[in-house]
Protein backbone atom coordinates (compact mmCIF):
# COMPACT_ATOMS: atom_id res chain seq x y z
CA MET A 1 2.29 -59.09 24.42
CA ALA A 2 1.40 -55.75 25.99
CA ASP A 3 -1.10 -52.93 25.86
CA LEU A 4 -0.40 -49.58 24.21
CA THR A 5 -1.15 -46.19 25.77
CA ILE A 6 -0.87 -42.93 23.82
CA GLN A 7 -1.46 -39.67 25.69
CA GLY A 8 -1.57 -36.20 24.18
CA LEU A 9 0.47 -37.17 21.12
CA THR A 10 1.46 -34.17 19.00
CA LYS A 11 3.67 -34.08 15.91
CA ARG A 12 4.50 -31.08 13.72
CA PHE A 13 6.33 -30.82 10.42
CA GLY A 14 7.47 -27.22 10.18
CA GLY A 15 4.38 -25.08 10.47
CA VAL A 16 2.02 -27.98 9.84
CA THR A 17 0.53 -29.90 12.77
CA ALA A 18 0.06 -33.48 11.54
CA VAL A 19 -1.22 -34.93 14.83
CA GLU A 20 -2.51 -32.97 17.80
CA GLY A 21 -3.53 -34.21 21.25
CA VAL A 22 -4.24 -37.82 20.29
CA ASP A 23 -5.23 -40.09 23.20
CA LEU A 24 -5.63 -43.82 22.62
CA HIS A 25 -5.46 -47.02 24.65
CA VAL A 26 -5.13 -50.38 22.89
CA ALA A 27 -5.71 -53.39 25.13
CA ASP A 28 -3.41 -56.39 25.23
CA GLY A 29 -4.20 -58.53 22.16
CA GLU A 30 -6.58 -55.99 20.63
CA PHE A 31 -6.61 -55.22 16.88
CA VAL A 32 -7.22 -51.50 16.35
CA THR A 33 -7.35 -49.79 12.96
CA LEU A 34 -6.45 -46.16 12.32
CA LEU A 35 -8.70 -45.14 9.44
CA GLY A 36 -8.97 -41.91 7.51
CA PRO A 37 -8.15 -40.04 4.30
CA SER A 38 -4.64 -39.10 3.20
CA GLY A 39 -3.12 -36.49 5.49
CA CYS A 40 -5.36 -37.26 8.48
CA GLY A 41 -2.43 -38.27 10.74
CA LYS A 42 -2.83 -42.04 10.89
CA SER A 43 0.61 -42.98 9.47
CA THR A 44 2.24 -40.20 11.51
CA THR A 45 0.73 -41.72 14.66
CA LEU A 46 2.04 -45.16 13.69
CA ALA A 47 5.51 -43.76 12.93
CA ALA A 48 5.60 -42.07 16.34
CA VAL A 49 4.82 -45.37 18.06
CA ALA A 50 7.54 -47.12 16.04
CA GLY A 51 10.02 -44.33 16.78
CA LEU A 52 10.53 -43.50 13.11
CA ASP A 53 9.30 -39.95 13.79
CA ARG A 54 10.09 -38.28 17.08
CA ALA A 55 6.92 -36.64 18.39
CA ASP A 56 6.86 -33.07 19.68
CA GLY A 57 4.62 -33.75 22.63
CA GLY A 58 2.82 -36.45 24.58
CA ARG A 59 3.63 -39.88 25.92
CA ILE A 60 3.76 -43.41 24.44
CA GLN A 61 3.96 -46.52 26.60
CA VAL A 62 3.81 -50.23 25.73
CA GLY A 63 3.25 -52.46 28.73
CA ASP A 64 5.40 -51.11 31.52
CA ARG A 65 7.96 -49.63 29.13
CA VAL A 66 7.91 -45.95 28.21
CA TYR A 67 8.83 -45.41 24.55
CA PHE A 68 8.45 -41.65 24.56
CA ASP A 69 7.73 -38.94 27.11
CA ALA A 70 8.20 -35.36 25.97
CA ALA A 71 7.91 -33.94 29.49
CA LYS A 72 10.68 -36.21 30.84
CA GLY A 73 12.85 -36.17 27.72
CA ILE A 74 12.49 -39.92 27.15
CA TYR A 75 12.90 -41.19 23.59
CA LEU A 76 13.74 -44.78 22.72
CA PRO A 77 15.18 -45.26 19.21
CA PRO A 78 13.28 -47.67 16.90
CA GLU A 79 15.71 -50.56 17.45
CA ALA A 80 15.08 -50.44 21.20
CA ARG A 81 11.28 -50.60 21.01
CA ASN A 82 10.74 -54.20 19.86
CA CYS A 83 7.96 -53.17 17.48
CA GLY A 84 7.09 -55.33 14.50
CA LEU A 85 6.56 -53.09 11.48
CA VAL A 86 5.23 -54.04 8.03
CA PHE A 87 4.93 -51.36 5.33
CA GLN A 88 2.99 -51.34 2.06
CA SER A 89 6.39 -51.91 0.41
CA TYR A 90 7.55 -55.33 1.61
CA ALA A 91 11.29 -54.44 1.26
CA LEU A 92 12.50 -58.03 0.92
CA TRP A 93 16.16 -58.59 0.12
CA PRO A 94 16.12 -59.70 -3.56
CA HIS A 95 19.38 -61.70 -3.27
CA MET A 96 18.16 -63.69 -0.26
CA THR A 97 15.84 -66.68 -0.17
CA VAL A 98 12.61 -66.60 1.80
CA ALA A 99 14.29 -68.43 4.68
CA ASP A 100 17.25 -66.05 4.66
CA ASN A 101 14.97 -62.99 4.59
CA VAL A 102 13.09 -64.31 7.61
CA ALA A 103 16.34 -65.19 9.38
CA PHE A 104 17.85 -61.73 8.93
CA PRO A 105 16.40 -60.05 12.07
CA LEU A 106 17.41 -63.08 14.15
CA THR A 107 20.96 -62.90 12.80
CA LEU A 108 21.13 -59.22 13.79
CA ARG A 109 20.01 -60.20 17.29
CA LYS A 110 22.66 -62.95 17.42
CA VAL A 111 20.10 -65.72 18.03
CA PRO A 112 21.87 -69.14 18.03
CA ALA A 113 21.64 -71.16 14.79
CA ALA A 114 19.50 -73.97 16.20
CA GLU A 115 16.99 -71.50 17.66
CA ARG A 116 16.98 -69.56 14.37
CA ARG A 117 16.07 -72.67 12.38
CA ARG A 118 13.30 -73.57 14.82
CA ARG A 119 11.76 -70.10 14.73
CA ILE A 120 12.00 -69.83 10.93
CA GLU A 121 10.19 -73.14 10.48
CA GLU A 122 7.58 -72.13 13.03
CA VAL A 123 6.79 -68.72 11.53
CA LEU A 124 6.81 -69.90 7.89
CA ALA A 125 4.28 -72.57 8.87
CA LEU A 126 2.21 -69.88 10.58
CA VAL A 127 1.97 -67.85 7.36
CA GLU A 128 1.68 -71.01 5.21
CA MET A 129 4.93 -70.36 3.33
CA GLU A 130 7.11 -73.25 4.54
CA ARG A 131 7.29 -74.92 1.11
CA TYR A 132 8.62 -71.68 -0.43
CA ALA A 133 11.59 -71.35 1.94
CA ALA A 134 14.20 -71.81 -0.81
CA ARG A 135 12.60 -69.40 -3.29
CA TYR A 136 13.67 -65.83 -3.99
CA PRO A 137 11.29 -62.81 -3.76
CA HIS A 138 11.02 -62.45 -7.56
CA GLU A 139 9.69 -66.02 -7.70
CA LEU A 140 6.76 -65.14 -5.42
CA SER A 141 3.41 -63.45 -6.02
CA GLY A 142 2.57 -60.16 -4.31
CA GLY A 143 0.46 -61.94 -1.71
CA GLN A 144 3.26 -64.41 -0.97
CA GLN A 145 5.76 -61.58 -0.59
CA GLN A 146 3.38 -59.93 1.85
CA ARG A 147 3.31 -63.11 3.94
CA VAL A 148 7.11 -63.31 3.95
CA ALA A 149 7.35 -59.69 5.12
CA LEU A 150 4.93 -60.47 7.94
CA ALA A 151 6.86 -63.65 8.85
CA ARG A 152 10.09 -61.65 9.00
CA THR A 153 8.42 -59.32 11.49
CA LEU A 154 6.84 -62.04 13.63
CA VAL A 155 9.96 -64.19 13.87
CA TYR A 156 11.62 -61.98 16.48
CA ARG A 157 8.45 -61.89 18.62
CA PRO A 158 7.66 -58.17 18.80
CA ALA A 159 5.80 -56.69 21.74
CA ILE A 160 3.39 -54.93 19.38
CA LEU A 161 2.62 -55.27 15.66
CA LEU A 162 2.34 -52.18 13.45
CA LEU A 163 0.91 -52.60 9.93
CA ASP A 164 0.98 -49.62 7.57
CA GLU A 165 -1.36 -50.34 4.63
CA PRO A 166 0.20 -53.80 4.04
CA LEU A 167 -2.41 -54.84 1.43
CA SER A 168 -2.44 -51.68 -0.70
CA ASN A 169 0.00 -53.04 -3.32
CA LEU A 170 -2.21 -56.06 -4.09
CA ASP A 171 -4.85 -56.20 -6.81
CA ALA A 172 -8.51 -56.30 -5.79
CA LYS A 173 -9.03 -60.10 -5.81
CA LEU A 174 -5.72 -60.82 -4.12
CA ARG A 175 -6.45 -58.15 -1.53
CA ASP A 176 -9.75 -59.87 -0.69
CA ARG A 177 -7.98 -63.21 -0.17
CA ALA A 178 -5.18 -61.59 1.83
CA ARG A 179 -7.72 -59.84 4.04
CA ALA A 180 -9.46 -63.14 4.83
CA TRP A 181 -6.13 -64.78 5.58
CA LEU A 182 -5.02 -61.89 7.80
CA ALA A 183 -8.32 -62.02 9.71
CA GLU A 184 -7.73 -65.71 10.46
CA LEU A 185 -4.10 -65.08 11.42
CA ARG A 186 -4.88 -62.23 13.81
CA THR A 187 -7.30 -64.51 15.68
CA ARG A 188 -4.58 -67.13 16.11
CA LEU A 189 -1.87 -64.65 17.08
CA GLY A 190 -3.73 -62.52 19.61
CA LEU A 191 -0.98 -59.91 19.19
CA THR A 192 -1.60 -56.27 20.06
CA THR A 193 -1.90 -54.67 16.62
CA ILE A 194 -2.22 -51.19 15.12
CA TYR A 195 -3.35 -51.32 11.50
CA VAL A 196 -3.29 -48.22 9.29
CA THR A 197 -5.50 -48.05 6.20
CA HIS A 198 -7.78 -45.79 4.19
CA ASP A 199 -9.80 -48.84 3.07
CA GLN A 200 -13.08 -49.00 4.99
CA ILE A 201 -13.70 -52.67 4.10
CA GLU A 202 -10.37 -53.68 5.64
CA ALA A 203 -11.18 -51.67 8.75
CA LEU A 204 -14.69 -53.06 9.16
CA SER A 205 -13.72 -56.70 8.57
CA LEU A 206 -10.50 -56.89 10.59
CA SER A 207 -10.85 -54.61 13.59
CA ASP A 208 -11.92 -54.99 17.19
CA ARG A 209 -12.18 -51.19 17.20
CA ILE A 210 -11.77 -48.48 14.58
CA VAL A 211 -10.22 -45.06 15.19
CA VAL A 212 -11.44 -42.62 12.54
CA MET A 213 -9.03 -39.71 12.14
CA ASN A 214 -9.56 -36.33 10.50
CA GLY A 215 -7.15 -33.41 10.35
CA GLY A 216 -4.78 -34.82 12.96
CA HIS A 217 -7.53 -35.49 15.49
CA ILE A 218 -9.63 -38.51 16.44
CA ALA A 219 -13.15 -38.07 15.09
CA GLN A 220 -14.60 -41.27 16.62
CA ILE A 221 -13.52 -44.52 18.27
CA GLY A 222 -15.77 -47.57 18.36
CA ALA A 223 -16.53 -51.11 17.26
CA PRO A 224 -17.02 -51.51 13.48
CA GLN A 225 -20.80 -51.85 13.69
CA GLN A 226 -21.06 -48.83 15.99
CA ILE A 227 -18.94 -46.68 13.67
CA TYR A 228 -21.05 -47.69 10.66
CA GLU A 229 -24.50 -47.45 12.25
CA GLN A 230 -23.91 -44.62 14.74
CA PRO A 231 -21.39 -42.19 13.20
CA ALA A 232 -20.50 -39.29 15.46
CA ASP A 233 -20.63 -36.65 12.72
CA PRO A 234 -21.18 -36.25 8.97
CA PHE A 235 -17.47 -36.75 8.24
CA VAL A 236 -17.48 -40.22 9.81
CA ALA A 237 -20.81 -41.08 8.19
CA ASP A 238 -19.46 -40.11 4.78
CA PHE A 239 -16.08 -41.82 5.14
CA ILE A 240 -17.43 -45.15 6.42
CA GLY A 241 -19.52 -46.50 3.58
CA THR A 242 -21.70 -44.41 1.28
CA THR A 243 -24.07 -41.89 2.82
CA ASN A 244 -26.74 -39.65 1.35
CA PHE A 245 -27.08 -36.22 2.98
CA LEU A 246 -30.29 -34.17 2.84
CA PRO A 247 -30.15 -30.54 4.06
CA ALA A 248 -33.44 -29.66 5.74
CA ARG A 249 -35.23 -27.40 8.20
CA VAL A 250 -37.10 -28.64 11.28
CA VAL A 251 -40.78 -27.67 10.96
CA GLY A 252 -41.90 -28.44 14.50
CA ALA A 253 -39.92 -29.00 17.68
CA ALA A 254 -39.33 -32.66 18.52
CA PRO A 255 -38.01 -34.25 21.72
CA ALA A 256 -35.15 -36.78 21.64
CA GLY A 257 -36.61 -40.08 20.45
CA GLY A 258 -39.70 -38.31 19.10
CA ARG A 259 -40.72 -37.81 15.51
CA ALA A 260 -39.47 -34.70 13.72
CA VAL A 261 -41.01 -33.18 10.61
CA LEU A 262 -38.41 -31.84 8.18
CA GLU A 263 -38.84 -29.60 5.16
CA LEU A 264 -36.46 -29.86 2.19
CA ALA A 265 -35.35 -26.99 -0.04
CA ASP A 266 -38.12 -27.64 -2.57
CA GLY A 267 -40.86 -27.68 0.08
CA GLN A 268 -41.30 -31.46 0.29
CA ARG A 269 -41.67 -32.78 3.82
CA LEU A 270 -40.64 -36.01 5.50
CA GLU A 271 -40.66 -37.45 8.99
CA THR A 272 -37.83 -39.03 10.93
CA VAL A 273 -37.19 -40.28 14.45
CA ALA A 274 -35.01 -37.65 16.12
CA GLY A 275 -32.07 -39.17 17.97
CA ARG A 276 -31.72 -35.87 19.81
CA ALA A 277 -34.01 -32.93 20.55
CA ALA A 278 -34.67 -30.78 17.49
CA ALA A 279 -35.82 -27.15 17.72
CA ALA A 280 -38.37 -25.61 15.34
CA GLY A 281 -36.64 -23.78 12.48
CA GLU A 282 -33.28 -25.44 13.13
CA ARG A 283 -31.12 -26.23 10.11
CA VAL A 284 -30.14 -29.90 10.07
CA THR A 285 -28.73 -32.59 7.80
CA LEU A 286 -30.46 -35.96 7.54
CA ALA A 287 -28.23 -38.90 6.58
CA TYR A 288 -29.36 -42.19 5.01
CA ARG A 289 -27.38 -45.16 3.68
CA PRO A 290 -28.32 -46.20 0.11
CA GLU A 291 -29.47 -49.62 1.34
CA GLN A 292 -32.07 -47.96 3.60
CA MET A 293 -33.86 -46.31 0.68
CA ARG A 294 -36.47 -47.99 -1.50
CA VAL A 295 -38.31 -47.36 -4.74
CA ALA A 296 -41.89 -46.55 -3.70
CA THR A 297 -44.79 -48.22 -5.46
CA PRO A 298 -48.13 -46.39 -5.74
CA GLY A 299 -50.09 -46.74 -2.51
CA ALA A 300 -47.81 -49.44 -1.12
CA GLY A 301 -44.96 -47.61 0.62
CA ALA A 302 -41.71 -49.50 0.14
CA GLY A 303 -41.56 -51.28 -3.17
CA GLU A 304 -38.25 -53.08 -3.56
CA GLY A 305 -36.68 -55.05 -0.74
CA PRO A 306 -37.85 -55.82 2.79
CA GLY A 307 -39.20 -52.35 3.50
CA GLU A 308 -41.68 -51.30 6.15
CA GLY A 309 -45.33 -50.97 5.30
CA PRO A 310 -47.39 -47.87 4.48
CA GLY A 311 -47.26 -45.08 7.04
CA GLU A 312 -43.81 -46.07 8.34
CA GLY A 313 -41.91 -44.01 5.82
CA SER A 314 -42.10 -40.89 3.69
CA VAL A 315 -42.45 -40.86 -0.10
CA LEU A 316 -40.61 -38.09 -1.95
CA ALA A 317 -40.44 -37.10 -5.62
CA THR A 318 -36.96 -37.24 -7.18
CA ARG A 319 -35.36 -36.81 -10.58
CA ILE A 320 -33.15 -39.58 -12.02
CA THR A 321 -29.72 -38.31 -13.04
CA SER A 322 -27.83 -41.56 -13.78
CA ARG A 323 -28.06 -45.36 -13.89
CA SER A 324 -25.04 -47.67 -13.50
CA TYR A 325 -24.97 -51.46 -13.46
CA VAL A 326 -22.39 -52.64 -10.89
CA GLY A 327 -23.01 -56.40 -10.90
CA GLY A 328 -26.12 -57.81 -9.25
CA GLN A 329 -27.65 -54.39 -8.73
CA TRP A 330 -28.03 -50.91 -10.16
CA GLN A 331 -26.74 -47.70 -8.66
CA VAL A 332 -29.20 -44.95 -9.44
CA GLY A 333 -28.24 -41.29 -9.09
CA LEU A 334 -31.07 -39.04 -7.95
CA ASP A 335 -31.67 -35.35 -7.46
CA LEU A 336 -33.80 -34.75 -4.36
CA ALA A 337 -34.47 -31.08 -3.66
CA GLY A 338 -31.10 -30.17 -5.13
CA ALA A 339 -29.18 -32.83 -3.17
CA ALA A 340 -27.34 -35.51 -5.16
CA ILE A 341 -28.10 -38.92 -3.63
CA ARG A 342 -27.64 -42.55 -4.61
CA LEU A 343 -30.07 -45.47 -4.48
CA GLU A 344 -29.34 -49.19 -4.84
CA ALA A 345 -31.96 -51.12 -6.83
CA ARG A 346 -32.27 -54.65 -8.23
CA THR A 347 -33.77 -53.40 -11.51
CA PRO A 348 -33.19 -50.11 -13.36
CA PRO A 349 -36.08 -47.67 -12.90
CA ALA A 350 -37.81 -46.43 -16.04
CA GLY A 351 -38.45 -42.81 -16.92
CA ASP A 352 -36.88 -39.60 -15.69
CA THR A 353 -38.50 -39.40 -12.24
CA LEU A 354 -38.83 -41.74 -9.29
CA ASP A 355 -40.85 -41.80 -6.07
CA LEU A 356 -38.43 -42.56 -3.25
CA TRP A 357 -39.40 -44.14 0.07
CA LEU A 358 -37.42 -43.23 3.19
CA PRO A 359 -38.05 -44.99 6.53
CA HIS A 360 -39.00 -42.90 9.53
CA ALA A 361 -36.48 -44.84 11.61
CA GLY A 362 -32.87 -45.40 10.62
CA GLY A 363 -31.84 -41.97 9.40
CA ILE A 364 -29.35 -39.91 11.45
CA LEU A 365 -30.00 -36.26 12.20
CA PHE A 366 -26.96 -33.96 12.38
CA ARG A 367 -26.93 -30.30 13.34
CA GLY A 368 -26.20 -27.79 10.59
CA GLY A 369 -24.53 -28.64 7.29
CA ALA A 370 -22.67 -31.81 6.39
CA ASP A 371 -18.88 -31.51 6.70
CA VAL A 372 -18.03 -34.63 4.71
CA ALA A 373 -14.80 -36.36 3.76
CA ALA A 374 -12.82 -35.06 0.81
């Protein structure tokens, strides 16, 4: 195992810059996820580490071995990097059994027969596929094929594991089971891993740290809980989970950690704890997660759920635009001062209007407008 260091990584395709100035250090045994929308640069970064795409600038080093250094003209081809790579397409040989598929990289490396058999048995047991060794890929489910592809990568003991959306071809239920299995496996392996996905649930549940990418740059790096609860900007807040954004104007100046009074477009006012200093008249965007909002009951503050008591939140008038039952709860679309927001409720609200309770603490105040994910 080894750590990974990326410095100033830049990759262009013609006149398009896919990745620019990316710096990242992944510790030995750490599981780091590159997360972002299509075209953000996450797969390009992974391909540069694997050597599948030659970068235009920067440096990549795994352990004490330099894979790429633009300044010194160093470029190791993929076969010299000892990277384990699993794609969303498992690319198993259809005419080979499971055992033969797993043996293939060892055969290429001229590993002796006895050692090959030992390693194949070991890695198939690791991915719980030993009893399927004699089967062919078409006799396996998608999840089983995914395990075989991973076993084929692990069998030659790579220095670093690179996973490019390996669960995306599975249906929803199978993906949930595969995610749980992969989480258990990564704990046992302790292998330095870069995982690429656009699925926020995969990122939150599997990662030691998440790297959110946007437009070829790193928007934020942090632990899953930090990324979710303390997003660096509206883009991250919108991409990780569901976020409601309220454009507003600061009525009175507020110090960092103090209480700010905000006015919405329709003149309604609310209070929030300002995480940073807010100047009077400043245009801001206030962000709330749907689970932080509550249906207000007359004179009682927060109605549904474990909300705070009266005086610890603001009650605002909204218009109901939609109701959708999603299993166990309702998603309610609301219009609040011209902003489309979403509320989660246990029961569907009646009527066309709703009084909404927002806590004074918990919202995040961003400067200016909300530049959210596409």
